[in-house]
PDB file of all heavy atoms in Angstrom:
ATOM      1  N   SER A   1     -23.802  30.642  -0.944  1.00  0.00           N
ATOM      2  CA  SER A   1     -22.402  30.690  -1.365  1.00  0.00           C
ATOM      3  C   SER A   1     -22.251  31.549  -2.606  1.00  0.00           C
ATOM      4  O   SER A   1     -23.116  31.564  -3.486  1.00  0.00           O
ATOM      5  CB  SER A   1     -21.892  29.277  -1.650  1.00  0.00           C
ATOM      6  OG  SER A   1     -21.964  28.463  -0.500  1.00  0.00           O
ATOM      7  N   THR A   2     -21.134  32.265  -2.658  1.00  0.00           N
ATOM      8  CA  THR A   2     -20.830  33.063  -3.847  1.00  0.00           C
ATOM      9  C   THR A   2     -19.880  32.329  -4.791  1.00  0.00           C
ATOM     10  O   THR A   2     -19.608  32.784  -5.892  1.00  0.00           O
ATOM     11  CB  THR A   2     -20.194  34.398  -3.441  1.00  0.00           C
ATOM     12  OG1 THR A   2     -19.014  34.144  -2.671  1.00  0.00           O
ATOM     13  CG2 THR A   2     -21.188  35.220  -2.615  1.00  0.00           C
ATOM     14  N   ALA A   3     -19.354  31.218  -4.340  1.00  0.00           N
ATOM     15  CA  ALA A   3     -18.513  30.322  -5.147  1.00  0.00           C
ATOM     16  C   ALA A   3     -18.559  28.953  -4.487  1.00  0.00           C
ATOM     17  O   ALA A   3     -19.040  28.811  -3.363  1.00  0.00           O
ATOM     18  CB  ALA A   3     -17.083  30.847  -5.219  1.00  0.00           C
ATOM     19  N   LYS A   4     -18.091  27.959  -5.176  1.00  0.00           N
ATOM     20  CA  LYS A   4     -18.095  26.630  -4.585  1.00  0.00           C
ATOM     21  C   LYS A   4     -17.247  26.606  -3.314  1.00  0.00           C
ATOM     22  O   LYS A   4     -16.168  27.197  -3.259  1.00  0.00           O
ATOM     23  CB  LYS A   4     -17.568  25.584  -5.575  1.00  0.00           C
ATOM     24  CG  LYS A   4     -18.587  25.196  -6.635  1.00  0.00           C
ATOM     25  CD  LYS A   4     -18.138  23.955  -7.388  1.00  0.00           C
ATOM     26  CE  LYS A   4     -19.230  23.459  -8.327  1.00  0.00           C
ATOM     27  NZ  LYS A   4     -18.834  22.207  -9.014  1.00  0.00           N
ATOM     28  N   GLU A   5     -17.742  25.892  -2.308  1.00  0.00           N
ATOM     29  CA  GLU A   5     -17.027  25.771  -1.046  1.00  0.00           C
ATOM     30  C   GLU A   5     -16.794  24.296  -0.735  1.00  0.00           C
ATOM     31  O   GLU A   5     -17.622  23.440  -1.065  1.00  0.00           O
ATOM     32  CB  GLU A   5     -17.825  26.411   0.093  1.00  0.00           C
ATOM     33  CG  GLU A   5     -18.057  27.900  -0.096  1.00  0.00           C
ATOM     34  CD  GLU A   5     -18.824  28.501   1.063  1.00  0.00           C
ATOM     35  OE1 GLU A   5     -18.200  28.778   2.093  1.00  0.00           O
ATOM     36  OE2 GLU A   5     -20.060  28.647   0.941  1.00  0.00           O
ATOM     37  N   PHE A   6     -15.646  24.023  -0.093  1.00  0.00           N
ATOM     38  CA  PHE A   6     -15.271  22.650   0.207  1.00  0.00           C
ATOM     39  C   PHE A   6     -14.732  22.543   1.626  1.00  0.00           C
ATOM     40  O   PHE A   6     -14.129  23.473   2.154  1.00  0.00           O
ATOM     41  CB  PHE A   6     -14.190  22.150  -0.766  1.00  0.00           C
ATOM     42  CG  PHE A   6     -14.622  22.134  -2.203  1.00  0.00           C
ATOM     43  CD1 PHE A   6     -14.439  23.251  -3.009  1.00  0.00           C
ATOM     44  CD2 PHE A   6     -15.210  21.008  -2.753  1.00  0.00           C
ATOM     45  CE1 PHE A   6     -14.830  23.249  -4.337  1.00  0.00           C
ATOM     46  CE2 PHE A   6     -15.600  20.995  -4.084  1.00  0.00           C
ATOM     47  CZ  PHE A   6     -15.413  22.106  -4.876  1.00  0.00           C
ATOM     48  N   GLU A   7     -14.950  21.380   2.232  1.00  0.00           N
ATOM     49  CA  GLU A   7     -14.321  21.012   3.495  1.00  0.00           C
ATOM     50  C   GLU A   7     -13.390  19.833   3.222  1.00  0.00           C
ATOM     51  O   GLU A   7     -13.714  18.941   2.431  1.00  0.00           O
ATOM     52  CB  GLU A   7     -15.367  20.604   4.539  1.00  0.00           C
ATOM     53  CG  GLU A   7     -16.229  21.743   5.049  1.00  0.00           C
ATOM     54  CD  GLU A   7     -15.506  22.632   6.040  1.00  0.00           C
ATOM     55  OE1 GLU A   7     -14.388  22.246   6.473  1.00  0.00           O
ATOM     56  OE2 GLU A   7     -16.035  23.701   6.362  1.00  0.00           O
ATOM     57  N   THR A   8     -12.238  19.849   3.877  1.00  0.00           N
ATOM     58  CA  THR A   8     -11.305  18.746   3.708  1.00  0.00           C
ATOM     59  C   THR A   8     -11.869  17.479   4.347  1.00  0.00           C
ATOM     60  O   THR A   8     -12.347  17.498   5.484  1.00  0.00           O
ATOM     61  CB  THR A   8      -9.951  19.082   4.357  1.00  0.00           C
ATOM     62  OG1 THR A   8      -9.417  20.258   3.732  1.00  0.00           O
ATOM     63  CG2 THR A   8      -8.970  17.935   4.194  1.00  0.00           C
ATOM     64  N   GLY A   9     -11.810  16.383   3.611  1.00  0.00           N
ATOM     65  CA  GLY A   9     -12.316  15.109   4.111  1.00  0.00           C
ATOM     66  C   GLY A   9     -11.197  14.232   4.638  1.00  0.00           C
ATOM     67  O   GLY A   9     -10.184  14.720   5.144  1.00  0.00           O
ATOM     68  N   LEU A  10     -11.358  12.935   4.502  1.00  0.00           N
ATOM     69  CA  LEU A  10     -10.379  11.987   5.023  1.00  0.00           C
ATOM     70  C   LEU A  10      -9.117  11.987   4.165  1.00  0.00           C
ATOM     71  O   LEU A  10      -9.159  12.151   2.949  1.00  0.00           O
ATOM     72  CB  LEU A  10     -10.981  10.583   5.048  1.00  0.00           C
ATOM     73  CG  LEU A  10     -12.178  10.382   5.981  1.00  0.00           C
ATOM     74  CD1 LEU A  10     -12.740   8.979   5.804  1.00  0.00           C
ATOM     75  CD2 LEU A  10     -11.781  10.623   7.431  1.00  0.00           C
ATOM     76  N   SER A  11      -7.979  11.815   4.836  1.00  0.00           N
ATOM     77  CA  SER A  11      -6.718  11.741   4.116  1.00  0.00           C
ATOM     78  C   SER A  11      -6.504  10.325   3.574  1.00  0.00           C
ATOM     79  O   SER A  11      -7.133   9.369   4.026  1.00  0.00           O
ATOM     80  CB  SER A  11      -5.551  12.119   5.034  1.00  0.00           C
ATOM     81  OG  SER A  11      -5.441  11.189   6.098  1.00  0.00           O
ATOM     82  N   ASP A  12      -5.608  10.202   2.617  1.00  0.00           N
ATOM     83  CA  ASP A  12      -5.297   8.923   1.981  1.00  0.00           C
ATOM     84  C   ASP A  12      -3.796   8.700   2.118  1.00  0.00           C
ATOM     85  O   ASP A  12      -2.991   9.478   1.605  1.00  0.00           O
ATOM     86  CB  ASP A  12      -5.716   8.971   0.512  1.00  0.00           C
ATOM     87  CG  ASP A  12      -5.463   7.672  -0.242  1.00  0.00           C
ATOM     88  OD1 ASP A  12      -4.849   6.753   0.342  1.00  0.00           O
ATOM     89  OD2 ASP A  12      -5.851   7.588  -1.416  1.00  0.00           O
ATOM     90  N   ALA A  13      -3.420   7.621   2.830  1.00  0.00           N
ATOM     91  CA  ALA A  13      -1.992   7.354   3.043  1.00  0.00           C
ATOM     92  C   ALA A  13      -1.279   6.943   1.763  1.00  0.00           C
ATOM     93  O   ALA A  13      -0.047   6.903   1.724  1.00  0.00           O
ATOM     94  CB  ALA A  13      -1.814   6.271   4.106  1.00  0.00           C
ATOM     95  N   GLY A  14      -2.021   6.606   0.728  1.00  0.00           N
ATOM     96  CA  GLY A  14      -1.418   6.340  -0.576  1.00  0.00           C
ATOM     97  C   GLY A  14      -0.762   4.982  -0.689  1.00  0.00           C
ATOM     98  O   GLY A  14      -1.285   3.972  -0.211  1.00  0.00           O
ATOM     99  N   THR A  15       0.419   4.948  -1.294  1.00  0.00           N
ATOM    100  CA  THR A  15       1.090   3.685  -1.581  1.00  0.00           C
ATOM    101  C   THR A  15       2.546   3.719  -1.115  1.00  0.00           C
ATOM    102  O   THR A  15       3.139   4.790  -0.943  1.00  0.00           O
ATOM    103  CB  THR A  15       1.057   3.361  -3.083  1.00  0.00           C
ATOM    104  OG1 THR A  15       1.704   4.425  -3.803  1.00  0.00           O
ATOM    105  CG2 THR A  15      -0.369   3.202  -3.576  1.00  0.00           C
ATOM    106  N   LEU A  16       3.094   2.533  -0.943  1.00  0.00           N
ATOM    107  CA  LEU A  16       4.508   2.366  -0.630  1.00  0.00           C
ATOM    108  C   LEU A  16       5.076   1.363  -1.620  1.00  0.00           C
ATOM    109  O   LEU A  16       4.583   0.235  -1.720  1.00  0.00           O
ATOM    110  CB  LEU A  16       4.692   1.847   0.796  1.00  0.00           C
ATOM    111  CG  LEU A  16       6.132   1.542   1.210  1.00  0.00           C
ATOM    112  CD1 LEU A  16       6.916   2.840   1.393  1.00  0.00           C
ATOM    113  CD2 LEU A  16       6.164   0.712   2.483  1.00  0.00           C
ATOM    114  N   THR A  17       6.104   1.765  -2.373  1.00  0.00           N
ATOM    115  CA  THR A  17       6.733   0.878  -3.342  1.00  0.00           C
ATOM    116  C   THR A  17       8.136   0.524  -2.870  1.00  0.00           C
ATOM    117  O   THR A  17       8.930   1.411  -2.531  1.00  0.00           O
ATOM    118  CB  THR A  17       6.802   1.528  -4.730  1.00  0.00           C
ATOM    119  OG1 THR A  17       5.465   1.805  -5.186  1.00  0.00           O
ATOM    120  CG2 THR A  17       7.485   0.602  -5.731  1.00  0.00           C
ATOM    121  N   LEU A  18       8.413  -0.769  -2.828  1.00  0.00           N
ATOM    122  CA  LEU A  18       9.717  -1.280  -2.420  1.00  0.00           C
ATOM    123  C   LEU A  18      10.399  -1.917  -3.626  1.00  0.00           C
ATOM    124  O   LEU A  18       9.826  -2.807  -4.262  1.00  0.00           O
ATOM    125  CB  LEU A  18       9.561  -2.321  -1.312  1.00  0.00           C
ATOM    126  CG  LEU A  18       8.774  -1.884  -0.066  1.00  0.00           C
ATOM    127  CD1 LEU A  18       8.592  -3.048   0.886  1.00  0.00           C
ATOM    128  CD2 LEU A  18       9.463  -0.715   0.621  1.00  0.00           C
ATOM    129  N   ASN A  19      11.599  -1.465  -3.949  1.00  0.00           N
ATOM    130  CA  ASN A  19      12.394  -2.045  -5.026  1.00  0.00           C
ATOM    131  C   ASN A  19      13.543  -2.833  -4.403  1.00  0.00           C
ATOM    132  O   ASN A  19      14.148  -2.396  -3.419  1.00  0.00           O
ATOM    133  CB  ASN A  19      12.932  -0.960  -5.945  1.00  0.00           C
ATOM    134  CG  ASN A  19      11.817  -0.205  -6.652  1.00  0.00           C
ATOM    135  OD1 ASN A  19      11.024  -0.792  -7.384  1.00  0.00           O
ATOM    136  ND2 ASN A  19      11.736   1.093  -6.425  1.00  0.00           N
ATOM    137  N   TYR A  20      13.875  -3.977  -5.006  1.00  0.00           N
ATOM    138  CA  TYR A  20      14.836  -4.864  -4.355  1.00  0.00           C
ATOM    139  C   TYR A  20      15.480  -5.813  -5.365  1.00  0.00           C
ATOM    140  O   TYR A  20      15.008  -5.961  -6.501  1.00  0.00           O
ATOM    141  CB  TYR A  20      14.136  -5.684  -3.267  1.00  0.00           C
ATOM    142  CG  TYR A  20      12.807  -6.278  -3.687  1.00  0.00           C
ATOM    143  CD1 TYR A  20      12.724  -7.512  -4.334  1.00  0.00           C
ATOM    144  CD2 TYR A  20      11.612  -5.590  -3.443  1.00  0.00           C
ATOM    145  CE1 TYR A  20      11.509  -8.044  -4.723  1.00  0.00           C
ATOM    146  CE2 TYR A  20      10.387  -6.113  -3.829  1.00  0.00           C
ATOM    147  CZ  TYR A  20      10.339  -7.338  -4.473  1.00  0.00           C
ATOM    148  OH  TYR A  20       9.120  -7.854  -4.863  1.00  0.00           O
ATOM    149  N   ASN A  21      16.568  -6.438  -4.923  1.00  0.00           N
ATOM    150  CA  ASN A  21      17.150  -7.542  -5.675  1.00  0.00           C
ATOM    151  C   ASN A  21      16.260  -8.760  -5.465  1.00  0.00           C
ATOM    152  O   ASN A  21      15.989  -9.154  -4.334  1.00  0.00           O
ATOM    153  CB  ASN A  21      18.575  -7.815  -5.199  1.00  0.00           C
ATOM    154  CG  ASN A  21      19.515  -6.673  -5.509  1.00  0.00           C
ATOM    155  OD1 ASN A  21      19.404  -6.042  -6.554  1.00  0.00           O
ATOM    156  ND2 ASN A  21      20.439  -6.399  -4.604  1.00  0.00           N
ATOM    157  N   PHE A  22      15.789  -9.333  -6.555  1.00  0.00           N
ATOM    158  CA  PHE A  22      14.788 -10.391  -6.499  1.00  0.00           C
ATOM    159  C   PHE A  22      15.399 -11.700  -6.018  1.00  0.00           C
ATOM    160  O   PHE A  22      16.316 -12.249  -6.634  1.00  0.00           O
ATOM    161  CB  PHE A  22      14.157 -10.571  -7.877  1.00  0.00           C
ATOM    162  CG  PHE A  22      13.033 -11.570  -7.911  1.00  0.00           C
ATOM    163  CD1 PHE A  22      11.873 -11.336  -7.208  1.00  0.00           C
ATOM    164  CD2 PHE A  22      13.142 -12.729  -8.666  1.00  0.00           C
ATOM    165  CE1 PHE A  22      10.817 -12.244  -7.250  1.00  0.00           C
ATOM    166  CE2 PHE A  22      12.101 -13.648  -8.718  1.00  0.00           C
ATOM    167  CZ  PHE A  22      10.938 -13.404  -7.997  1.00  0.00           C
ATOM    168  N   ALA A  23      14.896 -12.201  -4.888  1.00  0.00           N
ATOM    169  CA  ALA A  23      15.325 -13.480  -4.322  1.00  0.00           C
ATOM    170  C   ALA A  23      14.093 -14.078  -3.656  1.00  0.00           C
ATOM    171  O   ALA A  23      13.865 -13.896  -2.464  1.00  0.00           O
ATOM    172  CB  ALA A  23      16.456 -13.282  -3.321  1.00  0.00           C
ATOM    173  N   PRO A  24      13.244 -14.773  -4.418  1.00  0.00           N
ATOM    174  CA  PRO A  24      11.890 -15.103  -3.976  1.00  0.00           C
ATOM    175  C   PRO A  24      11.786 -16.012  -2.761  1.00  0.00           C
ATOM    176  O   PRO A  24      10.740 -16.051  -2.107  1.00  0.00           O
ATOM    177  CB  PRO A  24      11.271 -15.771  -5.217  1.00  0.00           C
ATOM    178  CG  PRO A  24      12.436 -16.259  -6.009  1.00  0.00           C
ATOM    179  CD  PRO A  24      13.521 -15.259  -5.784  1.00  0.00           C
ATOM    180  N   ASN A  25      12.862 -16.738  -2.432  1.00  0.00           N
ATOM    181  CA  ASN A  25      12.783 -17.658  -1.303  1.00  0.00           C
ATOM    182  C   ASN A  25      13.274 -17.055   0.011  1.00  0.00           C
ATOM    183  O   ASN A  25      13.291 -17.737   1.037  1.00  0.00           O
ATOM    184  CB  ASN A  25      13.569 -18.945  -1.606  1.00  0.00           C
ATOM    185  CG  ASN A  25      12.888 -19.774  -2.682  1.00  0.00           C
ATOM    186  OD1 ASN A  25      11.668 -19.822  -2.752  1.00  0.00           O
ATOM    187  ND2 ASN A  25      13.678 -20.414  -3.532  1.00  0.00           N
ATOM    188  N   THR A  26      13.702 -15.793  -0.007  1.00  0.00           N
ATOM    189  CA  THR A  26      14.072 -15.137   1.242  1.00  0.00           C
ATOM    190  C   THR A  26      12.815 -14.840   2.057  1.00  0.00           C
ATOM    191  O   THR A  26      11.709 -14.746   1.513  1.00  0.00           O
ATOM    192  CB  THR A  26      14.842 -13.837   0.975  1.00  0.00           C
ATOM    193  OG1 THR A  26      14.040 -12.985   0.136  1.00  0.00           O
ATOM    194  CG2 THR A  26      16.172 -14.116   0.298  1.00  0.00           C
ATOM    195  N   GLY A  27      12.986 -14.689   3.379  1.00  0.00           N
ATOM    196  CA  GLY A  27      11.839 -14.572   4.272  1.00  0.00           C
ATOM    197  C   GLY A  27      10.896 -13.436   3.951  1.00  0.00           C
ATOM    198  O   GLY A  27       9.670 -13.620   3.896  1.00  0.00           O
ATOM    199  N   VAL A  28      11.435 -12.235   3.729  1.00  0.00           N
ATOM    200  CA  VAL A  28      10.583 -11.072   3.482  1.00  0.00           C
ATOM    201  C   VAL A  28       9.829 -11.208   2.171  1.00  0.00           C
ATOM    202  O   VAL A  28       8.615 -10.971   2.097  1.00  0.00           O
ATOM    203  CB  VAL A  28      11.411  -9.778   3.500  1.00  0.00           C
ATOM    204  CG1 VAL A  28      10.586  -8.605   2.973  1.00  0.00           C
ATOM    205  CG2 VAL A  28      11.912  -9.483   4.913  1.00  0.00           C
ATOM    206  N   GLN A  29      10.517 -11.599   1.103  1.00  0.00           N
ATOM    207  CA  GLN A  29       9.854 -11.688  -0.201  1.00  0.00           C
ATOM    208  C   GLN A  29       8.808 -12.803  -0.221  1.00  0.00           C
ATOM    209  O   GLN A  29       7.743 -12.661  -0.826  1.00  0.00           O
ATOM    210  CB  GLN A  29      10.895 -11.865  -1.296  1.00  0.00           C
ATOM    211  CG  GLN A  29      11.787 -10.633  -1.440  1.00  0.00           C
ATOM    212  CD  GLN A  29      12.809 -10.741  -2.539  1.00  0.00           C
ATOM    213  OE1 GLN A  29      12.510 -11.177  -3.657  1.00  0.00           O
ATOM    214  NE2 GLN A  29      14.040 -10.335  -2.258  1.00  0.00           N
ATOM    215  N   ALA A  30       9.090 -13.901   0.467  1.00  0.00           N
ATOM    216  CA  ALA A  30       8.093 -14.973   0.563  1.00  0.00           C
ATOM    217  C   ALA A  30       6.888 -14.513   1.369  1.00  0.00           C
ATOM    218  O   ALA A  30       5.740 -14.835   1.025  1.00  0.00           O
ATOM    219  CB  ALA A  30       8.725 -16.206   1.219  1.00  0.00           C
ATOM    220  N   ALA A  31       7.120 -13.733   2.435  1.00  0.00           N
ATOM    221  CA  ALA A  31       6.016 -13.240   3.262  1.00  0.00           C
ATOM    222  C   ALA A  31       5.135 -12.264   2.482  1.00  0.00           C
ATOM    223  O   ALA A  31       3.902 -12.288   2.601  1.00  0.00           O
ATOM    224  CB  ALA A  31       6.560 -12.576   4.523  1.00  0.00           C
ATOM    225  N   MET A  32       5.739 -11.407   1.672  1.00  0.00           N
ATOM    226  CA  MET A  32       4.958 -10.463   0.877  1.00  0.00           C
ATOM    227  C   MET A  32       4.128 -11.201  -0.170  1.00  0.00           C
ATOM    228  O   MET A  32       2.972 -10.850  -0.421  1.00  0.00           O
ATOM    229  CB  MET A  32       5.871  -9.421   0.218  1.00  0.00           C
ATOM    230  CG  MET A  32       6.525  -8.464   1.203  1.00  0.00           C
ATOM    231  SD  MET A  32       7.301  -7.000   0.442  1.00  0.00           S
ATOM    232  CE  MET A  32       8.549  -7.763  -0.583  1.00  0.00           C
ATOM    233  N   ARG A  33       4.708 -12.219  -0.763  1.00  0.00           N
ATOM    234  CA  ARG A  33       3.970 -13.003  -1.761  1.00  0.00           C
ATOM    235  C   ARG A  33       2.787 -13.730  -1.113  1.00  0.00           C
ATOM    236  O   ARG A  33       1.675 -13.751  -1.652  1.00  0.00           O
ATOM    237  CB  ARG A  33       4.922 -13.998  -2.427  1.00  0.00           C
ATOM    238  CG  ARG A  33       4.316 -14.760  -3.598  1.00  0.00           C
ATOM    239  CD  ARG A  33       5.381 -15.502  -4.389  1.00  0.00           C
ATOM    240  NE  ARG A  33       6.074 -16.506  -3.583  1.00  0.00           N
ATOM    241  CZ  ARG A  33       7.337 -16.378  -3.152  1.00  0.00           C
ATOM    242  NH1 ARG A  33       8.037 -15.294  -3.444  1.00  0.00           N
ATOM    243  NH2 ARG A  33       7.899 -17.327  -2.437  1.00  0.00           N
ATOM    244  N   ALA A  34       3.017 -14.303   0.072  1.00  0.00           N
ATOM    245  CA  ALA A  34       1.942 -15.009   0.774  1.00  0.00           C
ATOM    246  C   ALA A  34       0.843 -14.048   1.203  1.00  0.00           C
ATOM    247  O   ALA A  34      -0.351 -14.381   1.135  1.00  0.00           O
ATOM    248  CB  ALA A  34       2.519 -15.728   1.998  1.00  0.00           C
ATOM    249  N   ALA A  35       1.221 -12.841   1.624  1.00  0.00           N
ATOM    250  CA  ALA A  35       0.222 -11.853   2.032  1.00  0.00           C
ATOM    251  C   ALA A  35      -0.642 -11.424   0.856  1.00  0.00           C
ATOM    252  O   ALA A  35      -1.846 -11.202   1.001  1.00  0.00           O
ATOM    253  CB  ALA A  35       0.916 -10.636   2.658  1.00  0.00           C
ATOM    254  N   LYS A  36      -0.036 -11.325  -0.331  1.00  0.00           N
ATOM    255  CA  LYS A  36      -0.807 -10.949  -1.526  1.00  0.00           C
ATOM    256  C   LYS A  36      -1.835 -12.017  -1.860  1.00  0.00           C
ATOM    257  O   LYS A  36      -3.000 -11.725  -2.156  1.00  0.00           O
ATOM    258  CB  LYS A  36       0.121 -10.713  -2.711  1.00  0.00           C
ATOM    259  CG  LYS A  36      -0.593 -10.221  -3.973  1.00  0.00           C
ATOM    260  CD  LYS A  36       0.404  -9.906  -5.074  1.00  0.00           C
ATOM    261  CE  LYS A  36      -0.294  -9.232  -6.260  1.00  0.00           C
ATOM    262  NZ  LYS A  36      -1.260 -10.095  -6.914  1.00  0.00           N
ATOM    263  N   VAL A  37      -1.413 -13.280  -1.798  1.00  0.00           N
ATOM    264  CA  VAL A  37      -2.320 -14.388  -2.113  1.00  0.00           C
ATOM    265  C   VAL A  37      -3.464 -14.452  -1.105  1.00  0.00           C
ATOM    266  O   VAL A  37      -4.631 -14.652  -1.468  1.00  0.00           O
ATOM    267  CB  VAL A  37      -1.547 -15.724  -2.131  1.00  0.00           C
ATOM    268  CG1 VAL A  37      -2.509 -16.899  -2.255  1.00  0.00           C
ATOM    269  CG2 VAL A  37      -0.545 -15.735  -3.285  1.00  0.00           C
ATOM    270  N   ALA A  38      -3.148 -14.264   0.185  1.00  0.00           N
ATOM    271  CA  ALA A  38      -4.153 -14.379   1.241  1.00  0.00           C
ATOM    272  C   ALA A  38      -4.977 -13.112   1.433  1.00  0.00           C
ATOM    273  O   ALA A  38      -6.030 -13.141   2.078  1.00  0.00           O
ATOM    274  CB  ALA A  38      -3.468 -14.741   2.557  1.00  0.00           C
ATOM    275  N   GLY A  39      -4.519 -11.993   0.889  1.00  0.00           N
ATOM    276  CA  GLY A  39      -5.207 -10.727   1.095  1.00  0.00           C
ATOM    277  C   GLY A  39      -4.993 -10.155   2.489  1.00  0.00           C
ATOM    278  O   GLY A  39      -5.786  -9.342   2.962  1.00  0.00           O
ATOM    279  N   ASP A  40      -3.902 -10.571   3.150  1.00  0.00           N
ATOM    280  CA  ASP A  40      -3.617 -10.117   4.509  1.00  0.00           C
ATOM    281  C   ASP A  40      -2.847  -8.796   4.503  1.00  0.00           C
ATOM    282  O   ASP A  40      -2.065  -8.523   3.586  1.00  0.00           O
ATOM    283  CB  ASP A  40      -2.785 -11.156   5.267  1.00  0.00           C
ATOM    284  CG  ASP A  40      -3.551 -12.437   5.518  1.00  0.00           C
ATOM    285  OD1 ASP A  40      -4.800 -12.375   5.547  1.00  0.00           O
ATOM    286  OD2 ASP A  40      -2.907 -13.489   5.680  1.00  0.00           O
ATOM    287  N   GLU A  41      -3.033  -8.009   5.562  1.00  0.00           N
ATOM    288  CA  GLU A  41      -2.235  -6.808   5.747  1.00  0.00           C
ATOM    289  C   GLU A  41      -0.866  -7.173   6.311  1.00  0.00           C
ATOM    290  O   GLU A  41      -0.728  -8.128   7.070  1.00  0.00           O
ATOM    291  CB  GLU A  41      -2.931  -5.843   6.698  1.00  0.00           C
ATOM    292  CG  GLU A  41      -4.134  -5.133   6.107  1.00  0.00           C
ATOM    293  CD  GLU A  41      -4.668  -4.071   7.032  1.00  0.00           C
ATOM    294  OE1 GLU A  41      -4.711  -4.311   8.258  1.00  0.00           O
ATOM    295  OE2 GLU A  41      -5.056  -2.998   6.537  1.00  0.00           O
ATOM    296  N   ILE A  42       0.141  -6.396   5.921  1.00  0.00           N
ATOM    297  CA  ILE A  42       1.461  -6.527   6.513  1.00  0.00           C
ATOM    298  C   ILE A  42       1.900  -5.150   7.002  1.00  0.00           C
ATOM    299  O   ILE A  42       1.326  -4.126   6.625  1.00  0.00           O
ATOM    300  CB  ILE A  42       2.497  -7.098   5.526  1.00  0.00           C
ATOM    301  CG1 ILE A  42       2.624  -6.201   4.283  1.00  0.00           C
ATOM    302  CG2 ILE A  42       2.127  -8.509   5.126  1.00  0.00           C
ATOM    303  CD1 ILE A  42       3.727  -6.655   3.343  1.00  0.00           C
TER     304      ILE A  42
END
């Protein structure tokens, strides 16, 4: 090589941030909280 060479590897889907009006007992917000505690994917 005459200079450093690279091959593209695996892509990274990154992160998704959801902003919302906080209402912790609604179904979606409770499900997200439970998934965080359990380490489950959603």
